[in-house]
């Protein structure tokens, strides 16, 4: 189901988008939809996208830690 979306943009940018859409033979709506789809697809973060310090922390915690373990830790620490 398609629904309407209103965007507020600078007039010059709108005119450029319309010219680009005409050259591509698409509507501005189709170009925006394609761009949003591309953003969603490319939003997958891989390890190589992470800063080195963050990457070095991957897997540092034991996988056997669960929510209950963390709750007990907090109770010991603060109660």
C-alpha atoms as a PDB file:
ATOM      1  CA  UNK A   1       0.000   0.000   0.000  1.00  0.00           C
ATOM      2  CA  UNK A   2       1.382   3.347  -0.976  1.00  0.00           C
ATOM      3  CA  UNK A   3       0.887   6.404   1.191  1.00  0.00           C
ATOM      4  CA  UNK A   4       1.756  10.061   0.831  1.00  0.00           C
ATOM      5  CA  UNK A   5       4.908  11.588   2.324  1.00  0.00           C
ATOM      6  CA  UNK A   6       5.541  15.327   2.433  1.00  0.00           C
ATOM      7  CA  UNK A   7       9.145  16.538   2.342  1.00  0.00           C
ATOM      8  CA  UNK A   8      10.242  20.088   2.938  1.00  0.00           C
ATOM      9  CA  UNK A   9      13.281  20.924   0.819  1.00  0.00           C
ATOM     10  CA  UNK A  10      14.948  23.970  -0.625  1.00  0.00           C
ATOM     11  CA  UNK A  11      13.303  25.057  -3.869  1.00  0.00           C
ATOM     12  CA  UNK A  12      16.575  24.766  -5.791  1.00  0.00           C
ATOM     13  CA  UNK A  13      17.033  21.179  -4.653  1.00  0.00           C
ATOM     14  CA  UNK A  14      13.475  20.319  -5.693  1.00  0.00           C
ATOM     15  CA  UNK A  15      14.083  21.780  -9.150  1.00  0.00           C
ATOM     16  CA  UNK A  16      17.314  19.795  -9.498  1.00  0.00           C
ATOM     17  CA  UNK A  17      15.511  16.631  -8.419  1.00  0.00           C
ATOM     18  CA  UNK A  18      12.789  17.203 -10.997  1.00  0.00           C
ATOM     19  CA  UNK A  19      15.367  17.722 -13.752  1.00  0.00           C
ATOM     20  CA  UNK A  20      17.222  14.582 -12.698  1.00  0.00           C
ATOM     21  CA  UNK A  21      13.963  12.616 -12.606  1.00  0.00           C
ATOM     22  CA  UNK A  22      13.061  13.770 -16.105  1.00  0.00           C
ATOM     23  CA  UNK A  23      16.472  12.716 -17.432  1.00  0.00           C
ATOM     24  CA  UNK A  24      16.135   9.306 -15.773  1.00  0.00           C
ATOM     25  CA  UNK A  25      12.542   8.897 -16.968  1.00  0.00           C
ATOM     26  CA  UNK A  26      11.275   8.407 -13.422  1.00  0.00           C
ATOM     27  CA  UNK A  27       9.149  10.374 -10.991  1.00  0.00           C
ATOM     28  CA  UNK A  28      10.717  12.175  -8.061  1.00  0.00           C
ATOM     29  CA  UNK A  29       8.724   9.862  -5.798  1.00  0.00           C
ATOM     30  CA  UNK A  30      10.239   6.790  -7.484  1.00  0.00           C
ATOM     31  CA  UNK A  31      13.759   8.195  -7.113  1.00  0.00           C
ATOM     32  CA  UNK A  32      13.186   8.953  -3.428  1.00  0.00           C
ATOM     33  CA  UNK A  33      11.698   5.482  -2.867  1.00  0.00           C
ATOM     34  CA  UNK A  34      14.662   3.849  -4.632  1.00  0.00           C
ATOM     35  CA  UNK A  35      17.074   5.890  -2.528  1.00  0.00           C
ATOM     36  CA  UNK A  36      15.328   4.969   0.730  1.00  0.00           C
ATOM     37  CA  UNK A  37      15.410   1.294  -0.280  1.00  0.00           C
ATOM     38  CA  UNK A  38      19.123   1.585  -0.970  1.00  0.00           C
ATOM     39  CA  UNK A  39      19.696   3.187   2.430  1.00  0.00           C
ATOM     40  CA  UNK A  40      17.905   0.349   4.193  1.00  0.00           C
ATOM     41  CA  UNK A  41      19.858  -2.302   2.277  1.00  0.00           C
ATOM     42  CA  UNK A  42      23.203  -0.631   2.947  1.00  0.00           C
ATOM     43  CA  UNK A  43      22.496  -0.061   6.628  1.00  0.00           C
ATOM     44  CA  UNK A  44      23.973  -3.458   7.474  1.00  0.00           C
ATOM     45  CA  UNK A  45      27.096  -2.738   9.553  1.00  0.00           C
ATOM     46  CA  UNK A  46      29.949  -5.173   9.088  1.00  0.00           C
ATOM     47  CA  UNK A  47      32.946  -5.673  11.354  1.00  0.00           C
ATOM     48  CA  UNK A  48      35.156  -3.890   8.841  1.00  0.00           C
ATOM     49  CA  UNK A  49      32.989  -0.744   9.188  1.00  0.00           C
ATOM     50  CA  UNK A  50      33.712  -0.512  12.916  1.00  0.00           C
ATOM     51  CA  UNK A  51      36.548   1.542  14.385  1.00  0.00           C
ATOM     52  CA  UNK A  52      39.586  -0.578  15.378  1.00  0.00           C
ATOM     53  CA  UNK A  53      38.967  -0.193  19.131  1.00  0.00           C
ATOM     54  CA  UNK A  54      35.349  -1.304  18.814  1.00  0.00           C
ATOM     55  CA  UNK A  55      36.333  -4.170  16.513  1.00  0.00           C
ATOM     56  CA  UNK A  56      38.868  -5.373  19.100  1.00  0.00           C
ATOM     57  CA  UNK A  57      36.076  -5.702  21.697  1.00  0.00           C
ATOM     58  CA  UNK A  58      33.988  -8.127  19.629  1.00  0.00           C
ATOM     59  CA  UNK A  59      33.715 -11.465  21.426  1.00  0.00           C
ATOM     60  CA  UNK A  60      35.461 -10.274  24.577  1.00  0.00           C
ATOM     61  CA  UNK A  61      32.514 -11.210  26.813  1.00  0.00           C
ATOM     62  CA  UNK A  62      31.730 -14.799  27.596  1.00  0.00           C
ATOM     63  CA  UNK A  63      28.722 -16.032  25.685  1.00  0.00           C
ATOM     64  CA  UNK A  64      27.446 -17.754  28.828  1.00  0.00           C
ATOM     65  CA  UNK A  65      26.493 -14.427  30.435  1.00  0.00           C
ATOM     66  CA  UNK A  66      22.766 -13.837  30.391  1.00  0.00           C
ATOM     67  CA  UNK A  67      20.335 -11.276  31.736  1.00  0.00           C
ATOM     68  CA  UNK A  68      19.985 -13.037  35.087  1.00  0.00           C
ATOM     69  CA  UNK A  69      23.767 -13.041  35.600  1.00  0.00           C
ATOM     70  CA  UNK A  70      23.844  -9.324  34.924  1.00  0.00           C
ATOM     71  CA  UNK A  71      20.924  -8.709  37.299  1.00  0.00           C
ATOM     72  CA  UNK A  72      22.745 -10.599  40.074  1.00  0.00           C
ATOM     73  CA  UNK A  73      25.902  -8.613  39.419  1.00  0.00           C
ATOM     74  CA  UNK A  74      24.008  -5.336  39.746  1.00  0.00           C
ATOM     75  CA  UNK A  75      22.297  -6.473  42.938  1.00  0.00           C
ATOM     76  CA  UNK A  76      25.650  -7.348  44.521  1.00  0.00           C
ATOM     77  CA  UNK A  77      27.160  -4.087  43.404  1.00  0.00           C
ATOM     78  CA  UNK A  78      24.379  -1.706  44.421  1.00  0.00           C
ATOM     79  CA  UNK A  79      22.421  -3.424  47.199  1.00  0.00           C
END
